[in-house]
């Protein structure tokens, strides 16, 4: 006989879990005890459940395996809900384990009791409460399978506190293997014909191509067919920005020049992306429900293929297997029309990345100048974590991605992702520089995970864009109610002093002349760094100033 909590840890090890993130709680105390006796799993104790969840999501992006987080019942689970939502929105596999009240007290309004099936049911792929300890191992196997199969996403396993102390017969732990579907041969042949017939074909590549060789397979197909590649939102690292087939990043508010070029496509092949509203700029390109050009979508879940727009072809297949199949039928040489089309789009994308603006304004540094300098000084093997906010537009526009540089960013738009993601990335790849760009608002949500970095040995560089505002909302206020501003101003602490208090290196940049020295110092540090950048609020985004917004929207 063995304790259920120990069986659970055995199951995690069997599923290849080598790191998990948690805020410890009494509702799963037996699991914590079981983990202390094992060295196969690195347990990272975080400062908030949202941080634990975001770290698990970032780790999943980097490994291609489900991220794992443990939280306690009630408040702990609710704090982790933001990661559950991001997992669903971003199609990132997550297995969240939640403690629960004793079985005898269920449905009695017990302390911190929550019905997780009702709370998370509409958002997750699968949720189960384990009341019979003999079903624990197979429940874990089902959860991992659900999180990673079809459209990846969140699975929740609920653990009644007393169940974890039950004795169970020790049995071999099962691992439910994932099915990988290839595309039908006739679909590959038909798509080859569509590409041959198209004058301006375009691949839109999404997050399911990250890890496991997806980037290399994508690049090989693009080169063989001479087809340009545009990256879905928050996945600009799928193709090197200086590669001749790179056609830009379809991010929030993509530049008009980029969209004008992309919209000339007569065939769009979407691989590993659901073509959601942000990537398609509000379902405008490719339009939904009726696109203006031929559209082919490749996604492993048949229910999601063609669900919101009509398609010329819908292929329910593993995106990586699909790319391998398509590469096998590539022509000996790509079409001259395709090569010319690639060059046109790449020239537009490259021109948009160039920085030529002013470095300073009366109210602070124009953040694009800081990003441009960091791009020049940062090595090619860096991991760049982005929080949500307007400051990210500068990073996505002027920073090079791909070719070794990775992007970790929430397509869900969840503030607070950046710092935890950077901590997780630094732990997973201690040999690489990890840089997080985060706004002052986002940093004050989860910046306390800097303490987790200090404790666990992570060493990210955290760049805080301090403009004293919830900048994205301020921008929308100026668009819709010019000059009528409220509730978006922030009174901030001294972020560099905060870093020092944590034991990190705190740097402050208040003038353009201080930028390069601060970046060089941060890159040479051997501990966590916070660079507080006094950022211009007037230059509120990479595309507009407050004055311009007010003038345009009066």
Protein backbone atom coordinates (compact mmCIF):
# COMPACT_ATOMS: atom_id res chain seq x y z
CA UNK A 1 0.00 0.00 0.00
CA UNK A 2 1.07 3.58 -0.61
CA UNK A 3 -0.31 6.99 0.27
CA UNK A 4 -2.38 8.67 -2.46
CA UNK A 5 -0.21 11.78 -2.27
CA UNK A 6 2.88 9.68 -3.05
CA UNK A 7 1.06 7.99 -5.90
CA UNK A 8 0.26 11.45 -7.29
CA UNK A 9 3.93 12.41 -7.30
CA UNK A 10 4.75 9.11 -9.02
CA UNK A 11 2.22 10.00 -11.69
CA UNK A 12 3.77 13.44 -12.21
CA UNK A 13 7.22 11.92 -12.64
CA UNK A 14 5.84 9.38 -15.11
CA UNK A 15 4.42 12.25 -17.17
CA UNK A 16 7.81 13.90 -17.43
CA UNK A 17 7.15 16.69 -14.95
CA UNK A 18 10.50 18.02 -13.79
CA UNK A 19 9.31 21.37 -12.41
CA UNK A 20 6.08 22.65 -10.90
CA UNK A 21 5.01 25.98 -9.46
CA UNK A 22 2.93 26.50 -6.36
CA UNK A 23 1.77 28.54 -3.43
CA UNK A 24 1.71 25.99 -0.58
CA UNK A 25 -1.62 25.34 1.11
CA UNK A 26 -2.96 23.13 3.86
CA UNK A 27 -5.52 21.58 1.53
CA UNK A 28 -2.79 19.62 -0.26
CA UNK A 29 -0.29 19.36 2.59
CA UNK A 30 0.27 15.66 1.94
CA UNK A 31 1.43 16.39 -1.60
CA UNK A 32 3.96 18.91 -0.30
CA UNK A 33 5.18 16.22 2.10
CA UNK A 34 5.47 13.69 -0.70
CA UNK A 35 7.44 16.15 -2.85
CA UNK A 36 10.01 16.72 -0.11
CA UNK A 37 11.05 13.07 -0.39
CA UNK A 38 11.70 13.23 -4.16
CA UNK A 39 14.36 15.01 -6.14
CA UNK A 40 12.99 14.39 -9.66
CA UNK A 41 10.75 17.48 -9.47
CA UNK A 42 11.95 21.01 -8.79
CA UNK A 43 9.24 22.76 -6.78
CA UNK A 44 9.21 26.54 -7.21
CA UNK A 45 7.42 28.35 -4.40
CA UNK A 46 5.90 31.55 -5.76
CA UNK A 47 4.46 34.60 -4.06
CA UNK A 48 1.00 34.55 -5.61
CA UNK A 49 -1.10 31.94 -7.37
CA UNK A 50 -1.35 34.07 -10.51
CA UNK A 51 2.45 34.04 -10.61
CA UNK A 52 2.50 30.26 -10.23
CA UNK A 53 0.02 29.89 -13.09
CA UNK A 54 1.83 32.28 -15.41
CA UNK A 55 5.15 30.56 -14.70
CA UNK A 56 3.60 27.23 -15.60
CA UNK A 57 2.30 28.67 -18.90
CA UNK A 58 5.69 30.11 -19.81
CA UNK A 59 7.39 26.82 -18.95
CA UNK A 60 4.91 25.01 -21.19
CA UNK A 61 5.74 27.33 -24.09
CA UNK A 62 9.43 26.64 -23.67
CA UNK A 63 9.22 22.87 -23.26
CA UNK A 64 6.24 21.94 -25.42
CA UNK A 65 4.85 19.98 -22.45
CA UNK A 66 1.93 20.84 -20.13
CA UNK A 67 2.86 23.31 -17.43
CA UNK A 68 1.94 22.27 -13.89
CA UNK A 69 0.80 24.38 -10.95
CA UNK A 70 -0.56 23.51 -7.50
CA UNK A 71 -2.78 25.88 -5.52
CA UNK A 72 -4.93 25.66 -2.45
CA UNK A 73 -8.70 25.71 -2.33
CA UNK A 74 -10.95 28.76 -2.58
CA UNK A 75 -8.86 31.95 -2.74
CA UNK A 76 -5.86 30.11 -4.16
CA UNK A 77 -7.89 28.67 -6.99
CA UNK A 78 -9.51 32.02 -7.77
CA UNK A 79 -6.12 33.70 -7.91
CA UNK A 80 -5.00 31.06 -10.41
CA UNK A 81 -8.06 31.58 -12.62
CA UNK A 82 -6.23 34.20 -14.70
CA UNK A 83 -3.76 31.53 -15.83
CA UNK A 84 -6.60 29.14 -16.63
CA UNK A 85 -8.15 31.79 -18.85
CA UNK A 86 -4.83 32.58 -20.53
CA UNK A 87 -4.23 28.87 -21.13
CA UNK A 88 -7.57 28.63 -22.92
CA UNK A 89 -7.09 31.84 -24.92
CA UNK A 90 -3.49 31.08 -25.91
CA UNK A 91 -3.92 27.32 -26.51
CA UNK A 92 -1.15 26.46 -24.04
CA UNK A 93 -1.39 23.14 -22.13
CA UNK A 94 -1.79 23.58 -18.38
CA UNK A 95 -2.65 21.10 -15.62
CA UNK A 96 -3.81 22.88 -12.48
CA UNK A 97 -4.11 20.88 -9.25
CA UNK A 98 -6.39 22.41 -6.62
CA UNK A 99 -6.83 21.34 -3.01
CA UNK A 100 -10.38 20.79 -1.80
CA UNK A 101 -12.21 20.47 1.50
CA UNK A 102 -12.65 17.04 3.08
CA UNK A 103 -15.10 14.78 1.28
CA UNK A 104 -17.42 14.56 4.29
CA UNK A 105 -17.80 18.35 4.26
CA UNK A 106 -18.55 18.80 0.57
CA UNK A 107 -21.76 20.63 -0.30
CA UNK A 108 -22.05 22.00 3.24
CA UNK A 109 -20.61 25.45 2.62
CA UNK A 110 -17.36 24.45 4.31
CA UNK A 111 -14.44 26.83 4.77
CA UNK A 112 -13.15 27.88 1.31
CA UNK A 113 -15.30 25.30 -0.46
CA UNK A 114 -15.82 25.87 -4.19
CA UNK A 115 -17.52 23.76 -6.84
CA UNK A 116 -14.72 23.83 -9.40
CA UNK A 117 -16.74 22.00 -12.03
CA UNK A 118 -19.20 24.89 -12.11
CA UNK A 119 -16.59 27.62 -11.80
CA UNK A 120 -14.11 26.36 -14.39
CA UNK A 121 -16.31 24.07 -16.48
CA UNK A 122 -16.99 26.47 -19.40
CA UNK A 123 -13.33 27.52 -19.59
CA UNK A 124 -11.35 24.29 -19.27
CA UNK A 125 -11.02 21.23 -21.46
CA UNK A 126 -11.59 18.89 -18.54
CA UNK A 127 -12.16 19.12 -14.79
CA UNK A 128 -12.45 16.26 -12.30
CA UNK A 129 -12.61 15.90 -8.55
CA UNK A 130 -10.92 12.76 -7.26
CA UNK A 131 -13.02 11.28 -4.46
CA UNK A 132 -11.77 7.72 -4.90
CA UNK A 133 -8.01 7.51 -4.39
CA UNK A 134 -7.83 4.39 -6.54
CA UNK A 135 -8.79 6.60 -9.51
CA UNK A 136 -6.10 9.21 -8.86
CA UNK A 137 -3.43 7.94 -11.25
CA UNK A 138 -5.76 7.45 -14.21
CA UNK A 139 -7.37 10.84 -13.54
CA UNK A 140 -3.96 12.47 -13.77
CA UNK A 141 -3.32 10.65 -17.04
CA UNK A 142 -6.62 11.89 -18.46
CA UNK A 143 -5.83 15.45 -17.36
CA UNK A 144 -2.45 15.51 -19.09
CA UNK A 145 -3.97 14.01 -22.21
CA UNK A 146 -6.79 16.56 -22.25
CA UNK A 147 -4.42 19.49 -21.76
CA UNK A 148 -2.16 18.54 -24.67
CA UNK A 149 -4.48 16.92 -27.22
CA UNK A 150 -6.50 18.63 -29.95
CA UNK A 151 -6.60 22.32 -29.10
CA UNK A 152 -4.20 22.56 -26.15
CA UNK A 153 -5.57 24.19 -23.03
CA UNK A 154 -6.28 23.90 -19.31
CA UNK A 155 -7.26 20.81 -17.33
CA UNK A 156 -8.11 20.95 -13.63
CA UNK A 157 -7.71 18.16 -11.08
CA UNK A 158 -9.38 18.73 -7.70
CA UNK A 159 -7.87 16.97 -4.69
CA UNK A 160 -9.96 16.56 -1.51
CA UNK A 161 -7.62 16.99 1.43
CA UNK A 162 -8.48 13.73 3.18
CA UNK A 163 -8.33 11.68 -0.04
CA UNK A 164 -4.62 12.45 -0.34
CA UNK A 165 -3.95 10.52 2.90
CA UNK A 166 -5.80 7.39 1.78
CA UNK A 167 -3.80 4.20 1.33
CA UNK A 168 -4.04 2.71 -2.14
CA UNK A 169 -2.61 -0.33 -3.83
CA UNK A 170 0.45 0.76 -5.75
CA UNK A 171 -0.03 0.06 -9.44
CA UNK A 172 2.00 1.03 -12.52
CA UNK A 173 1.19 4.61 -13.49
CA UNK A 174 -0.34 4.93 -16.95
CA UNK A 175 0.49 7.62 -19.46
CA UNK A 176 -2.12 8.18 -22.15
CA UNK A 177 -0.22 8.76 -25.37
CA UNK A 178 -1.28 11.56 -27.68
CA UNK A 179 -2.56 10.84 -31.17
CA UNK A 180 -0.97 12.80 -34.02
CA UNK A 181 -3.01 13.00 -37.18
CA UNK A 182 -1.43 13.64 -40.57
CA UNK A 183 -3.25 15.33 -43.44
CA UNK A 184 -4.85 13.15 -46.13
CA UNK A 185 -2.56 12.73 -49.13
CA UNK A 186 -5.17 14.18 -51.48
CA UNK A 187 -5.38 17.36 -49.36
CA UNK A 188 -1.63 17.84 -49.57
CA UNK A 189 -1.74 17.40 -53.34
CA UNK A 190 -4.65 19.81 -53.67
CA UNK A 191 -2.89 22.40 -51.53
CA UNK A 192 0.23 22.05 -53.64
CA UNK A 193 -1.94 22.91 -56.64
CA UNK A 194 -3.48 25.91 -54.87
CA UNK A 195 -0.02 27.25 -54.07
CA UNK A 196 1.12 26.74 -57.65
CA UNK A 197 -1.93 28.62 -58.94
CA UNK A 198 -1.64 31.49 -56.49
CA UNK A 199 0.28 34.63 -57.40
CA UNK A 200 0.50 35.87 -53.83
CA UNK A 201 0.25 33.00 -51.31
CA UNK A 202 0.81 33.76 -47.61
CA UNK A 203 1.40 31.53 -44.58
CA UNK A 204 0.07 32.78 -41.24
CA UNK A 205 1.93 30.84 -38.56
CA UNK A 206 0.75 30.39 -34.98
CA UNK A 207 1.79 29.18 -31.58
CA UNK A 208 1.37 25.45 -32.10
CA UNK A 209 4.58 25.57 -34.15
CA UNK A 210 6.63 26.63 -31.15
CA UNK A 211 9.01 24.03 -29.72
CA UNK A 212 9.64 20.52 -31.06
CA UNK A 213 11.15 21.74 -34.33
CA UNK A 214 8.17 23.67 -35.62
CA UNK A 215 10.16 26.79 -36.46
CA UNK A 216 12.66 24.87 -38.59
CA UNK A 217 9.91 23.01 -40.44
CA UNK A 218 8.08 26.28 -41.12
CA UNK A 219 11.21 27.93 -42.49
CA UNK A 220 11.95 24.94 -44.71
CA UNK A 221 8.47 25.01 -46.26
CA UNK A 222 8.55 28.78 -46.74
CA UNK A 223 11.90 28.60 -48.52
CA UNK A 224 10.94 25.62 -50.69
CA UNK A 225 7.72 27.19 -51.96
CA UNK A 226 8.91 30.80 -51.85
CA UNK A 227 5.95 31.72 -49.65
CA UNK A 228 6.12 34.64 -47.20
CA UNK A 229 5.29 34.02 -43.53
CA UNK A 230 3.37 36.39 -41.28
CA UNK A 231 3.37 35.58 -37.57
CA UNK A 232 0.17 35.38 -35.57
CA UNK A 233 -0.13 37.67 -32.58
CA UNK A 234 2.63 37.22 -29.97
CA UNK A 235 4.53 34.70 -32.10
CA UNK A 236 6.98 36.92 -33.99
CA UNK A 237 9.79 34.50 -33.13
CA UNK A 238 8.54 31.74 -35.44
CA UNK A 239 10.60 33.15 -38.32
CA UNK A 240 13.79 35.23 -38.05
CA UNK A 241 12.95 38.88 -38.63
CA UNK A 242 15.82 39.23 -41.10
CA UNK A 243 14.82 36.16 -43.14
CA UNK A 244 13.72 37.08 -46.70
CA UNK A 245 10.47 35.14 -46.24
CA UNK A 246 9.48 36.99 -43.05
CA UNK A 247 6.43 39.16 -43.76
CA UNK A 248 5.67 40.76 -40.40
CA UNK A 249 3.80 40.31 -37.16
CA UNK A 250 -0.02 40.40 -37.11
CA UNK A 251 -0.23 41.90 -33.65
CA UNK A 252 -2.58 44.30 -31.89
CA UNK A 253 -3.12 47.31 -34.14
CA UNK A 254 -0.69 46.14 -36.80
CA UNK A 255 0.69 49.01 -38.93
CA UNK A 256 -1.52 50.02 -41.85
CA UNK A 257 1.38 49.64 -44.31
CA UNK A 258 1.87 46.03 -43.26
CA UNK A 259 -1.82 45.19 -43.54
CA UNK A 260 -2.13 46.79 -46.95
CA UNK A 261 0.58 44.47 -48.20
CA UNK A 262 -0.72 41.32 -46.55
CA UNK A 263 -4.26 41.89 -47.79
CA UNK A 264 -3.07 41.52 -51.37
CA UNK A 265 -2.67 37.78 -50.71
CA UNK A 266 -4.83 35.57 -52.92
CA UNK A 267 -4.24 32.45 -50.77
CA UNK A 268 -3.85 32.35 -46.99
CA UNK A 269 -2.56 29.17 -45.36
CA UNK A 270 -3.06 29.34 -41.60
CA UNK A 271 -0.87 26.80 -39.78
CA UNK A 272 -1.08 26.32 -36.03
CA UNK A 273 -3.31 29.35 -35.44
CA UNK A 274 -7.03 29.65 -34.78
CA UNK A 275 -7.11 32.96 -36.71
CA UNK A 276 -8.71 34.76 -33.79
CA UNK A 277 -9.88 38.34 -33.68
CA UNK A 278 -6.52 39.94 -32.79
CA UNK A 279 -4.44 38.17 -35.43
CA UNK A 280 -7.09 38.90 -38.05
CA UNK A 281 -7.46 42.53 -36.90
CA UNK A 282 -11.06 42.12 -35.77
CA UNK A 283 -11.93 39.31 -38.17
CA UNK A 284 -11.04 41.57 -41.12
CA UNK A 285 -8.15 39.59 -42.66
CA UNK A 286 -8.87 36.88 -43.43
CA UNK A 287 -12.41 38.10 -42.92
CA UNK A 288 -15.08 36.15 -41.10
CA UNK A 289 -17.47 34.66 -41.95
CA UNK A 290 -16.63 35.13 -45.65
CA UNK A 291 -12.98 35.75 -46.57
CA UNK A 292 -12.10 37.67 -49.73
CA UNK A 293 -9.37 35.21 -50.68
CA UNK A 294 -8.89 31.47 -50.56
CA UNK A 295 -8.17 30.31 -47.03
CA UNK A 296 -6.71 27.01 -45.82
CA UNK A 297 -6.56 26.32 -42.09
CA UNK A 298 -4.47 23.60 -40.42
CA UNK A 299 -5.25 22.87 -36.76
CA UNK A 300 -5.34 19.57 -34.83
CA UNK A 301 -8.92 19.96 -33.58
CA UNK A 302 -11.53 19.45 -36.28
CA UNK A 303 -14.17 21.31 -34.25
CA UNK A 304 -12.12 24.52 -34.45
CA UNK A 305 -11.33 24.33 -38.16
CA UNK A 306 -13.71 26.51 -40.13
CA UNK A 307 -15.89 27.21 -37.09
CA UNK A 308 -16.14 31.00 -37.65
CA UNK A 309 -15.29 31.44 -41.34
CA UNK A 310 -15.78 29.51 -44.56
CA UNK A 311 -12.65 27.81 -45.86
CA UNK A 312 -11.48 26.48 -49.18
CA UNK A 313 -9.78 23.71 -47.22
CA UNK A 314 -9.89 22.72 -43.59
CA UNK A 315 -7.26 20.24 -42.45
CA UNK A 316 -7.48 18.66 -38.99
CA UNK A 317 -3.87 17.58 -38.54
CA UNK A 318 -0.82 18.04 -36.38
CA UNK A 319 0.76 21.24 -37.78
CA UNK A 320 4.30 19.86 -37.66
CA UNK A 321 3.37 16.63 -39.44
CA UNK A 322 1.49 18.72 -42.00
CA UNK A 323 4.56 20.86 -42.70
CA UNK A 324 6.68 17.76 -43.17
CA UNK A 325 4.13 16.42 -45.65
CA UNK A 326 3.92 19.70 -47.55
CA UNK A 327 7.69 20.00 -47.72
CA UNK A 328 7.84 16.57 -49.38
CA UNK A 329 5.85 17.83 -52.41
CA UNK A 330 7.66 21.15 -52.80
CA UNK A 331 8.81 22.16 -56.29
CA UNK A 332 12.47 21.97 -57.25
CA UNK A 333 12.61 25.76 -57.33
CA UNK A 334 10.05 28.30 -56.06
CA UNK A 335 8.03 30.44 -58.43
CA UNK A 336 9.54 33.78 -59.49
CA UNK A 337 6.19 35.41 -58.70
CA UNK A 338 6.34 34.03 -55.18
CA UNK A 339 9.91 35.20 -54.65
CA UNK A 340 9.02 38.71 -55.84
CA UNK A 341 5.98 38.74 -53.53
CA UNK A 342 8.18 37.66 -50.61
CA UNK A 343 10.61 40.47 -51.31
CA UNK A 344 7.85 43.09 -51.36
CA UNK A 345 6.38 42.03 -48.03
CA UNK A 346 9.77 41.58 -46.38
CA UNK A 347 10.84 45.05 -47.46
CA UNK A 348 7.75 46.52 -45.85
CA UNK A 349 8.23 44.57 -42.61
CA UNK A 350 11.92 45.51 -42.45
CA UNK A 351 11.25 49.20 -43.05
CA UNK A 352 8.66 49.28 -40.28
CA UNK A 353 11.20 47.93 -37.77
CA UNK A 354 13.64 50.78 -38.27
CA UNK A 355 13.81 53.39 -35.53
CA UNK A 356 14.20 57.04 -36.55
CA UNK A 357 12.27 58.93 -33.91
CA UNK A 358 13.30 61.27 -31.14
CA UNK A 359 14.78 59.67 -28.05
CA UNK A 360 13.38 62.08 -25.49
CA UNK A 361 10.30 64.15 -24.88
CA UNK A 362 9.71 66.79 -22.18
CA UNK A 363 7.98 64.19 -19.99
CA UNK A 364 10.46 61.33 -20.40
CA UNK A 365 12.19 58.88 -22.69
CA UNK A 366 10.40 57.72 -25.82
CA UNK A 367 10.32 54.00 -25.12
CA UNK A 368 11.14 53.09 -28.71
CA UNK A 369 14.63 54.57 -28.25
CA UNK A 370 15.25 52.31 -25.27
CA UNK A 371 14.00 49.25 -27.17
CA UNK A 372 16.17 50.08 -30.20
CA UNK A 373 19.25 50.24 -28.01
CA UNK A 374 18.40 46.97 -26.25
CA UNK A 375 17.89 45.30 -29.61
CA UNK A 376 21.40 46.34 -30.71
CA UNK A 377 23.09 45.23 -27.49
CA UNK A 378 21.21 42.00 -26.82
CA UNK A 379 22.52 38.67 -28.08
CA UNK A 380 20.68 36.39 -30.48
CA UNK A 381 19.99 33.61 -27.95
CA UNK A 382 17.89 35.74 -25.60
CA UNK A 383 14.39 35.01 -24.36
CA UNK A 384 12.15 38.07 -24.30
CA UNK A 385 9.07 38.04 -22.08
CA UNK A 386 6.39 40.62 -22.72
CA UNK A 387 3.65 41.74 -20.40
CA UNK A 388 0.43 43.23 -21.78
CA UNK A 389 0.23 46.94 -22.50
CA UNK A 390 1.00 49.71 -24.98
CA UNK A 391 4.73 49.64 -24.20
CA UNK A 392 4.80 46.23 -25.87
CA UNK A 393 4.04 47.80 -29.22
CA UNK A 394 7.50 49.35 -29.23
CA UNK A 395 9.07 45.97 -28.45
CA UNK A 396 7.12 44.10 -31.09
CA UNK A 397 7.89 46.73 -33.71
CA UNK A 398 11.58 47.40 -33.12
CA UNK A 399 12.98 44.25 -31.50
CA UNK A 400 14.31 41.41 -33.65
CA UNK A 401 12.82 38.00 -32.96
CA UNK A 402 13.52 34.51 -34.23
CA UNK A 403 16.91 33.20 -35.22
CA UNK A 404 17.49 32.14 -31.63
CA UNK A 405 15.53 34.89 -29.91
CA UNK A 406 12.31 33.66 -28.32
CA UNK A 407 9.16 35.61 -27.51
CA UNK A 408 7.00 34.77 -24.50
CA UNK A 409 3.84 36.84 -24.44
CA UNK A 410 0.16 36.35 -23.61
CA UNK A 411 -2.18 36.56 -26.59
CA UNK A 412 -4.91 36.73 -23.95
CA UNK A 413 -3.79 40.26 -23.06
CA UNK A 414 -3.37 39.33 -19.40
CA UNK A 415 -1.44 41.91 -17.40
CA UNK A 416 0.99 40.46 -14.90
CA UNK A 417 2.30 37.70 -17.17
CA UNK A 418 5.72 39.19 -17.92
CA UNK A 419 7.63 38.97 -14.63
CA UNK A 420 6.54 35.41 -13.74
CA UNK A 421 7.22 34.28 -17.32
CA UNK A 422 10.72 35.74 -17.16
CA UNK A 423 11.43 33.97 -13.87
CA UNK A 424 10.27 30.64 -15.32
CA UNK A 425 12.32 31.18 -18.49
CA UNK A 426 15.46 31.97 -16.52
CA UNK A 427 15.01 28.80 -14.49
CA UNK A 428 14.44 26.68 -17.59
CA UNK A 429 17.35 28.25 -19.52
CA UNK A 430 19.88 29.61 -17.01
CA UNK A 431 22.48 29.85 -19.78
CA UNK A 432 20.43 32.39 -21.77
CA UNK A 433 19.73 36.06 -21.14
CA UNK A 434 16.09 36.58 -20.22
CA UNK A 435 14.63 40.06 -20.57
CA UNK A 436 11.14 41.09 -19.50
CA UNK A 437 9.46 44.24 -20.74
CA UNK A 438 6.62 45.26 -18.42
CA UNK A 439 4.63 48.37 -17.71
CA UNK A 440 4.37 49.99 -14.31
CA UNK A 441 0.84 48.67 -13.92
CA UNK A 442 1.77 45.12 -14.81
CA UNK A 443 4.84 45.16 -12.59
CA UNK A 444 2.77 46.19 -9.58
CA UNK A 445 0.50 43.19 -10.20
CA UNK A 446 3.11 40.41 -10.10
CA UNK A 447 6.46 42.12 -9.59
CA UNK A 448 6.70 40.45 -6.19
CA UNK A 449 7.80 37.33 -8.07
CA UNK A 450 11.17 39.06 -8.06
CA UNK A 451 11.42 37.49 -4.60
CA UNK A 452 10.84 34.10 -6.23
CA UNK A 453 13.69 34.83 -8.63
CA UNK A 454 16.02 35.69 -5.75
CA UNK A 455 15.08 32.53 -3.85
CA UNK A 456 15.19 30.13 -6.77
CA UNK A 457 18.33 31.40 -8.48
CA UNK A 458 16.72 32.92 -11.56
CA UNK A 459 18.37 36.03 -12.99
CA UNK A 460 16.03 37.86 -15.39
CA UNK A 461 16.41 41.49 -16.45
CA UNK A 462 13.12 43.30 -15.80
CA UNK A 463 12.59 46.52 -17.75
CA UNK A 464 9.79 48.63 -16.26
CA UNK A 465 8.27 51.26 -18.53
CA UNK A 466 7.23 53.85 -15.93
CA UNK A 467 4.90 56.41 -17.44
CA UNK A 468 2.65 56.70 -14.39
CA UNK A 469 -0.42 55.40 -16.19
CA UNK A 470 -2.47 52.46 -17.28
CA UNK A 471 -1.34 53.46 -20.75
CA UNK A 472 -3.53 51.28 -22.95
CA UNK A 473 -6.72 52.42 -21.24
CA UNK A 474 -5.53 56.03 -21.30
CA UNK A 475 -5.03 55.69 -25.05
CA UNK A 476 -8.58 54.42 -25.48
CA UNK A 477 -9.89 57.28 -23.34
CA UNK A 478 -8.13 59.76 -25.61
CA UNK A 479 -9.59 58.03 -28.67
CA UNK A 480 -13.16 57.94 -27.43
CA UNK A 481 -13.32 60.83 -24.94
CA UNK A 482 -10.48 63.22 -25.91
CA UNK A 483 -9.20 65.21 -22.96
CA UNK A 484 -11.60 63.53 -20.52
CA UNK A 485 -9.28 61.37 -18.46
CA UNK A 486 -9.92 59.56 -15.22
CA UNK A 487 -8.88 56.55 -13.16
CA UNK A 488 -5.82 55.70 -15.25
CA UNK A 489 -3.11 57.73 -13.46
CA UNK A 490 -0.70 55.79 -11.22
CA UNK A 491 1.38 56.97 -8.29
CA UNK A 492 4.37 54.65 -8.43
CA UNK A 493 7.11 53.66 -6.01
CA UNK A 494 10.79 53.89 -6.83
CA UNK A 495 11.15 50.66 -8.79
CA UNK A 496 14.95 50.67 -8.65
CA UNK A 497 14.83 51.05 -4.87
CA UNK A 498 12.32 48.19 -4.71
CA UNK A 499 14.75 46.00 -6.61
CA UNK A 500 17.52 46.84 -4.18
CA UNK A 501 15.26 45.93 -1.26
CA UNK A 502 14.72 42.50 -2.81
CA UNK A 503 18.48 42.03 -3.21
CA UNK A 504 18.42 42.58 -6.97
CA UNK A 505 20.32 45.22 -8.92
CA UNK A 506 18.23 48.35 -9.34
CA UNK A 507 18.97 50.78 -12.18
CA UNK A 508 17.22 54.00 -13.12
CA UNK A 509 17.12 55.56 -16.60
CA UNK A 510 15.77 59.10 -16.78
CA UNK A 511 17.56 60.52 -19.84
CA UNK A 512 18.46 59.14 -23.25
CA UNK A 513 22.14 59.47 -22.43
CA UNK A 514 21.79 56.87 -19.67
CA UNK A 515 20.22 54.16 -21.81
CA UNK A 516 23.21 52.25 -23.17
CA UNK A 517 25.18 52.27 -19.91
CA UNK A 518 22.19 50.85 -18.01
CA UNK A 519 21.63 48.10 -20.58
CA UNK A 520 25.32 47.15 -20.64
CA UNK A 521 25.42 47.02 -16.85
CA UNK A 522 22.29 44.86 -16.73
CA UNK A 523 23.60 42.41 -19.34
CA UNK A 524 26.81 41.90 -17.39
CA UNK A 525 25.07 41.31 -14.05
CA UNK A 526 24.91 37.87 -12.47
CA UNK A 527 21.72 38.45 -10.49
CA UNK A 528 18.20 39.76 -11.19
CA UNK A 529 18.07 43.33 -12.48
CA UNK A 530 15.31 45.90 -12.58
CA UNK A 531 15.75 48.83 -14.98
CA UNK A 532 13.22 51.55 -14.24
CA UNK A 533 12.76 53.69 -17.37
CA UNK A 534 11.10 57.08 -16.96
CA UNK A 535 8.92 56.83 -20.05
CA UNK A 536 7.07 59.56 -21.90
CA UNK A 537 3.30 59.38 -21.48
CA UNK A 538 2.85 61.86 -24.32
CA UNK A 539 4.35 59.21 -26.66
CA UNK A 540 1.71 56.78 -25.49
CA UNK A 541 2.16 54.15 -28.18
CA UNK A 542 4.39 53.22 -31.08
CA UNK A 543 1.80 54.67 -33.43
CA UNK A 544 0.46 57.82 -31.74
CA UNK A 545 0.93 60.62 -29.25
CA UNK A 546 -1.72 61.93 -26.88
CA UNK A 547 -1.83 65.25 -28.74
CA UNK A 548 -2.34 63.47 -32.06
CA UNK A 549 -5.12 61.32 -30.62
CA UNK A 550 -6.92 64.35 -29.22
CA UNK A 551 -6.65 66.22 -32.50
CA UNK A 552 -7.86 63.25 -34.55
CA UNK A 553 -10.81 62.46 -32.30
CA UNK A 554 -12.27 65.87 -31.51
